[in-house]
Each structure stands twice: as C-alpha cells, then as structure tokens.
Amino acid sequence: MLSNSVKEALNNQIKLEGDSSNGYLAMAVWAEINGFEGVANFLYEHSEEERMHMLKLVKFINERNGEAIVPQFEKPKNNFSSLNELFEAVLAHEIKVSENINNIVELTLNEKDYATHNFLQWYVSEQIEEERLCRLILEKLDLIGSDKGGLYLFDRDIQSLHTKLAK
C-alpha cells in the first residue's frame, strides 16, 4: 500500500510524463512543418514513449491500492528557432524529469517503501539513457553547425541513432 506522500509524488510524476509526451508531440509538429521529417518521427516516437511511461505509473499506483489522477497538462512550447534550441529544451526537460525521479526514489527509501523503490529503478535507468541521447544529439548538432548538408544528413540519420543507443 502506498503512503499518501509517495502516492502524491507518483501522481506528480504522471503529470510530468504527460507534459513530456505533449511537449515532444508539439516539437514533432514543429519539426515536421519545418522540413525535418526524421526529427519529427524521432519526436513522435518519444512522445509515445513518454505516454507509456505515464501509463506505467498509472497502473502501478492503482495496483498498489492508490488512486492515479489524470491531471490537466500544460500547453507545450511549439515554436523553435533551430534544432539546437529544440534539443536544448529536450535535454533541460529530461534533466528535470531525472531530478524529480531521484527525489521520489529518496522519498521511497526514507519511507522504507522498497516495492516502489524497486519499481522506480527502471525510470532511473531510462533517464540515464535519455540524457545520454540528448547530449549526443547536441554534440552532433554542434559539429554540424549551420551546414545545410549536415543538417539534411542528421535529419535522415536521427532515427537510426536512437535505435543504436536503445540496444
């Protein structure tokens, strides 16, 4: 059974995951209408992943005799000046998600809620991967600079980059 403080923290994480999903969806739309089809597909996929992260939390809370709350989500930013700005926003958001998850992990340890602590380890590992991927993308974009040919190749190759790192 979940304590009220752990249940509240997990419900807050549901909101954060839902905001992530909507944010990546808005970013995907921006990328698509600006000619970055590969980036758009990458972000559409990430949007769906974040939704699945949210659903995983919903089901866990309900299975532990809690009540998952589906919140109202924030309207995401939907305009960017460049791919660099977009992926800097992605990295900043993923760092925020990691910090929030780490705070929940600490709470579960303080409350000796080892079942929830164990459940959250998947999220901890996932965030390490997400931050690593964002940093790698930003490094590649820095190498490319404003070279349009490089941006074209980056857009074409971004989906394979995600697939390679996920293995």
C-alpha atoms as a PDB file:
ATOM      1  CA  MET A   1       0.000   0.000   0.000  1.00  0.00           C
ATOM      2  CA  LEU A   2       1.276   3.443  -0.891  1.00  0.00           C
ATOM      3  CA  SER A   3       1.662   6.192   1.667  1.00  0.00           C
ATOM      4  CA  ASN A   4      -0.056   9.457   0.861  1.00  0.00           C
ATOM      5  CA  SER A   5       3.275  11.207   0.241  1.00  0.00           C
ATOM      6  CA  VAL A   6       4.520   8.524  -2.187  1.00  0.00           C
ATOM      7  CA  LYS A   7       1.132   8.437  -3.927  1.00  0.00           C
ATOM      8  CA  GLU A   8       1.222  12.235  -4.327  1.00  0.00           C
ATOM      9  CA  ALA A   9       4.787  12.139  -5.658  1.00  0.00           C
ATOM     10  CA  LEU A  10       3.917   9.417  -8.182  1.00  0.00           C
ATOM     11  CA  ASN A  11       0.827  11.328  -9.297  1.00  0.00           C
ATOM     12  CA  ASN A  12       3.024  14.397  -9.809  1.00  0.00           C
ATOM     13  CA  GLN A  13       5.293  12.220 -11.947  1.00  0.00           C
ATOM     14  CA  ILE A  14       2.257  11.205 -14.023  1.00  0.00           C
ATOM     15  CA  LYS A  15       1.751  14.886 -14.823  1.00  0.00           C
ATOM     16  CA  LEU A  16       5.410  15.346 -15.695  1.00  0.00           C
ATOM     17  CA  GLU A  17       5.374  12.331 -18.033  1.00  0.00           C
ATOM     18  CA  GLY A  18       2.178  13.575 -19.678  1.00  0.00           C
ATOM     19  CA  ASP A  19       3.666  17.040 -20.096  1.00  0.00           C
ATOM     20  CA  SER A  20       6.718  15.352 -21.655  1.00  0.00           C
ATOM     21  CA  SER A  21       4.544  13.461 -24.110  1.00  0.00           C
ATOM     22  CA  ASN A  22       2.669  16.612 -25.143  1.00  0.00           C
ATOM     23  CA  GLY A  23       5.887  18.617 -25.324  1.00  0.00           C
ATOM     24  CA  TYR A  24       7.523  16.116 -27.654  1.00  0.00           C
ATOM     25  CA  LEU A  25       4.363  15.997 -29.736  1.00  0.00           C
ATOM     26  CA  ALA A  26       4.466  19.795 -30.175  1.00  0.00           C
ATOM     27  CA  MET A  27       8.170  19.593 -31.032  1.00  0.00           C
ATOM     28  CA  ALA A  28       7.444  16.886 -33.600  1.00  0.00           C
ATOM     29  CA  VAL A  29       4.842  19.101 -35.252  1.00  0.00           C
ATOM     30  CA  TRP A  30       7.333  21.987 -35.428  1.00  0.00           C
ATOM     31  CA  ALA A  31       9.995  19.707 -36.919  1.00  0.00           C
ATOM     32  CA  GLU A  32       7.599  18.256 -39.457  1.00  0.00           C
ATOM     33  CA  ILE A  33       6.310  21.587 -40.749  1.00  0.00           C
ATOM     34  CA  ASN A  34       9.901  22.859 -40.968  1.00  0.00           C
ATOM     35  CA  GLY A  35      11.072  20.016 -43.188  1.00  0.00           C
ATOM     36  CA  PHE A  36      12.766  17.807 -40.598  1.00  0.00           C
ATOM     37  CA  GLU A  37      10.864  14.581 -41.193  1.00  0.00           C
ATOM     38  CA  GLY A  38      13.436  12.373 -39.437  1.00  0.00           C
ATOM     39  CA  VAL A  39      13.471  14.572 -36.345  1.00  0.00           C
ATOM     40  CA  ALA A  40       9.665  14.673 -36.405  1.00  0.00           C
ATOM     41  CA  ASN A  41       9.430  10.874 -36.494  1.00  0.00           C
ATOM     42  CA  PHE A  42      12.020  10.642 -33.701  1.00  0.00           C
ATOM     43  CA  LEU A  43       9.960  13.048 -31.562  1.00  0.00           C
ATOM     44  CA  TYR A  44       6.623  11.391 -32.376  1.00  0.00           C
ATOM     45  CA  GLU A  45       8.175   8.142 -31.137  1.00  0.00           C
ATOM     46  CA  HIS A  46       9.467   9.864 -27.999  1.00  0.00           C
ATOM     47  CA  SER A  47       6.041  11.357 -27.366  1.00  0.00           C
ATOM     48  CA  GLU A  48       4.534   7.883 -27.422  1.00  0.00           C
ATOM     49  CA  GLU A  49       7.288   6.541 -25.129  1.00  0.00           C
ATOM     50  CA  GLU A  50       6.544   9.246 -22.575  1.00  0.00           C
ATOM     51  CA  ARG A  51       2.857   8.398 -22.729  1.00  0.00           C
ATOM     52  CA  MET A  52       3.739   4.772 -21.997  1.00  0.00           C
ATOM     53  CA  HIS A  53       5.880   5.908 -19.039  1.00  0.00           C
ATOM     54  CA  MET A  54       2.836   7.776 -17.745  1.00  0.00           C
ATOM     55  CA  LEU A  55       0.564   4.744 -18.157  1.00  0.00           C
ATOM     56  CA  LYS A  56       3.077   2.532 -16.367  1.00  0.00           C
ATOM     57  CA  LEU A  57       2.853   4.870 -13.367  1.00  0.00           C
ATOM     58  CA  VAL A  58      -0.956   4.958 -13.519  1.00  0.00           C
ATOM     59  CA  LYS A  59      -1.165   1.177 -13.420  1.00  0.00           C
ATOM     60  CA  PHE A  60       1.424   0.881 -10.640  1.00  0.00           C
ATOM     61  CA  ILE A  61      -0.398   3.350  -8.390  1.00  0.00           C
ATOM     62  CA  ASN A  62      -3.725   1.596  -8.942  1.00  0.00           C
ATOM     63  CA  GLU A  63      -2.191  -1.857  -8.325  1.00  0.00           C
ATOM     64  CA  ARG A  64      -0.753  -0.640  -5.012  1.00  0.00           C
ATOM     65  CA  ASN A  65      -4.176   0.370  -3.709  1.00  0.00           C
ATOM     66  CA  GLY A  66      -3.704   4.015  -4.591  1.00  0.00           C
ATOM     67  CA  GLU A  67      -5.636   6.162  -6.999  1.00  0.00           C
ATOM     68  CA  ALA A  68      -3.917   7.520 -10.086  1.00  0.00           C
ATOM     69  CA  ILE A  69      -5.009  11.004 -11.011  1.00  0.00           C
ATOM     70  CA  VAL A  70      -5.029  12.110 -14.619  1.00  0.00           C
ATOM     71  CA  PRO A  71      -4.167  15.810 -14.475  1.00  0.00           C
ATOM     72  CA  GLN A  72      -4.638  18.677 -16.849  1.00  0.00           C
ATOM     73  CA  PHE A  73      -1.463  19.038 -18.896  1.00  0.00           C
ATOM     74  CA  GLU A  74       0.456  22.212 -19.664  1.00  0.00           C
ATOM     75  CA  LYS A  75       0.314  23.754 -23.125  1.00  0.00           C
ATOM     76  CA  PRO A  76       3.751  22.992 -24.539  1.00  0.00           C
ATOM     77  CA  LYS A  77       6.078  25.346 -26.371  1.00  0.00           C
ATOM     78  CA  ASN A  78       5.594  24.808 -30.091  1.00  0.00           C
ATOM     79  CA  ASN A  79       7.975  27.222 -31.798  1.00  0.00           C
ATOM     80  CA  PHE A  80      11.751  26.954 -32.006  1.00  0.00           C
ATOM     81  CA  SER A  81      14.427  28.906 -33.848  1.00  0.00           C
ATOM     82  CA  SER A  82      16.588  25.861 -34.580  1.00  0.00           C
ATOM     83  CA  LEU A  83      17.148  22.187 -33.930  1.00  0.00           C
ATOM     84  CA  ASN A  84      19.756  23.203 -31.363  1.00  0.00           C
ATOM     85  CA  GLU A  85      17.186  25.197 -29.391  1.00  0.00           C
ATOM     86  CA  LEU A  86      14.711  22.337 -29.638  1.00  0.00           C
ATOM     87  CA  PHE A  87      17.147  19.694 -28.374  1.00  0.00           C
ATOM     88  CA  GLU A  88      18.495  22.001 -25.645  1.00  0.00           C
ATOM     89  CA  ALA A  89      14.886  22.203 -24.423  1.00  0.00           C
ATOM     90  CA  VAL A  90      14.637  18.405 -24.589  1.00  0.00           C
ATOM     91  CA  LEU A  91      17.808  17.990 -22.506  1.00  0.00           C
ATOM     92  CA  ALA A  92      16.700  20.559 -19.917  1.00  0.00           C
ATOM     93  CA  HIS A  93      13.358  18.799 -19.605  1.00  0.00           C
ATOM     94  CA  GLU A  94      14.943  15.342 -19.274  1.00  0.00           C
ATOM     95  CA  ILE A  95      17.239  16.666 -16.519  1.00  0.00           C
ATOM     96  CA  LYS A  96      14.148  17.996 -14.703  1.00  0.00           C
ATOM     97  CA  VAL A  97      12.468  14.575 -15.043  1.00  0.00           C
ATOM     98  CA  SER A  98      15.595  12.852 -13.699  1.00  0.00           C
ATOM     99  CA  GLU A  99      15.720  15.163 -10.690  1.00  0.00           C
ATOM    100  CA  ASN A 100      12.058  14.505  -9.942  1.00  0.00           C
ATOM    101  CA  ILE A 101      12.502  10.740 -10.168  1.00  0.00           C
ATOM    102  CA  ASN A 102      15.559  10.912  -7.916  1.00  0.00           C
ATOM    103  CA  ASN A 103      13.503  12.844  -5.354  1.00  0.00           C
ATOM    104  CA  ILE A 104      10.816  10.147  -5.424  1.00  0.00           C
ATOM    105  CA  VAL A 105      13.466   7.433  -5.039  1.00  0.00           C
ATOM    106  CA  GLU A 106      14.806   9.244  -1.981  1.00  0.00           C
ATOM    107  CA  LEU A 107      11.277   9.530  -0.564  1.00  0.00           C
ATOM    108  CA  THR A 108      10.663   5.791  -1.027  1.00  0.00           C
ATOM    109  CA  LEU A 109      13.901   4.954   0.759  1.00  0.00           C
ATOM    110  CA  ASN A 110      13.053   7.290   3.650  1.00  0.00           C
ATOM    111  CA  GLU A 111       9.632   5.639   3.944  1.00  0.00           C
ATOM    112  CA  LYS A 112      11.057   2.126   3.505  1.00  0.00           C
ATOM    113  CA  ASP A 113       8.765   1.567   0.521  1.00  0.00           C
ATOM    114  CA  TYR A 114      11.045  -0.925  -1.192  1.00  0.00           C
ATOM    115  CA  ALA A 115       8.443  -2.108  -3.705  1.00  0.00           C
ATOM    116  CA  THR A 116       8.079   1.393  -5.138  1.00  0.00           C
ATOM    117  CA  HIS A 117      11.831   1.919  -4.911  1.00  0.00           C
ATOM    118  CA  ASN A 118      12.346  -1.221  -6.981  1.00  0.00           C
ATOM    119  CA  PHE A 119       9.702  -0.126  -9.493  1.00  0.00           C
ATOM    120  CA  LEU A 120      11.404   3.254  -9.924  1.00  0.00           C
ATOM    121  CA  GLN A 121      14.770   1.721 -10.841  1.00  0.00           C
ATOM    122  CA  TRP A 122      13.512   1.252 -14.388  1.00  0.00           C
ATOM    123  CA  TYR A 123      12.842   5.003 -14.579  1.00  0.00           C
ATOM    124  CA  VAL A 124      16.294   5.791 -13.177  1.00  0.00           C
ATOM    125  CA  SER A 125      17.930   3.686 -15.907  1.00  0.00           C
ATOM    126  CA  GLU A 126      15.657   5.154 -18.571  1.00  0.00           C
ATOM    127  CA  GLN A 127      16.630   8.699 -17.591  1.00  0.00           C
ATOM    128  CA  ILE A 128      20.333   7.911 -17.829  1.00  0.00           C
ATOM    129  CA  GLU A 129      19.699   6.739 -21.404  1.00  0.00           C
ATOM    130  CA  GLU A 130      17.522   9.757 -22.251  1.00  0.00           C
ATOM    131  CA  GLU A 131      20.061  12.301 -21.018  1.00  0.00           C
ATOM    132  CA  ARG A 132      22.902  10.483 -22.805  1.00  0.00           C
ATOM    133  CA  LEU A 133      20.933  10.507 -26.061  1.00  0.00           C
ATOM    134  CA  CYS A 134      20.150  14.235 -25.779  1.00  0.00           C
ATOM    135  CA  ARG A 135      23.785  15.110 -25.092  1.00  0.00           C
ATOM    136  CA  LEU A 136      24.931  13.025 -28.060  1.00  0.00           C
ATOM    137  CA  ILE A 137      22.400  14.727 -30.347  1.00  0.00           C
ATOM    138  CA  LEU A 138      23.529  18.174 -29.186  1.00  0.00           C
ATOM    139  CA  GLU A 139      27.189  17.213 -29.752  1.00  0.00           C
ATOM    140  CA  LYS A 140      26.328  16.140 -33.308  1.00  0.00           C
ATOM    141  CA  LEU A 141      24.405  19.360 -33.946  1.00  0.00           C
ATOM    142  CA  ASP A 142      27.357  21.394 -32.639  1.00  0.00           C
ATOM    143  CA  LEU A 143      29.659  19.577 -35.072  1.00  0.00           C
ATOM    144  CA  ILE A 144      27.286  20.286 -37.961  1.00  0.00           C
ATOM    145  CA  GLY A 145      26.831  23.955 -37.158  1.00  0.00           C
ATOM    146  CA  SER A 146      24.752  25.664 -39.831  1.00  0.00           C
ATOM    147  CA  ASP A 147      25.824  23.365 -42.682  1.00  0.00           C
ATOM    148  CA  LYS A 148      22.608  22.541 -44.535  1.00  0.00           C
ATOM    149  CA  GLY A 149      24.027  19.317 -45.958  1.00  0.00           C
ATOM    150  CA  GLY A 150      24.993  18.230 -42.469  1.00  0.00           C
ATOM    151  CA  LEU A 151      21.515  19.054 -41.164  1.00  0.00           C
ATOM    152  CA  TYR A 152      19.992  17.047 -44.008  1.00  0.00           C
ATOM    153  CA  LEU A 153      22.133  14.010 -43.126  1.00  0.00           C
ATOM    154  CA  PHE A 154      21.421  14.472 -39.412  1.00  0.00           C
ATOM    155  CA  ASP A 155      17.684  14.551 -40.092  1.00  0.00           C
ATOM    156  CA  ARG A 156      17.939  11.412 -42.186  1.00  0.00           C
ATOM    157  CA  ASP A 157      20.075   9.546 -39.632  1.00  0.00           C
ATOM    158  CA  ILE A 158      18.498  10.532 -36.290  1.00  0.00           C
ATOM    159  CA  GLN A 159      16.153   7.559 -36.150  1.00  0.00           C
ATOM    160  CA  SER A 160      18.991   5.078 -36.579  1.00  0.00           C
ATOM    161  CA  LEU A 161      20.900   6.891 -33.807  1.00  0.00           C
ATOM    162  CA  HIS A 162      18.016   6.234 -31.407  1.00  0.00           C
ATOM    163  CA  THR A 163      17.807   2.580 -32.465  1.00  0.00           C
ATOM    164  CA  LYS A 164      21.556   2.016 -31.946  1.00  0.00           C
ATOM    165  CA  LEU A 165      21.557   3.585 -28.474  1.00  0.00           C
ATOM    166  CA  ALA A 166      18.477   1.681 -27.329  1.00  0.00           C
ATOM    167  CA  LYS A 167      20.264  -1.670 -27.815  1.00  0.00           C
END
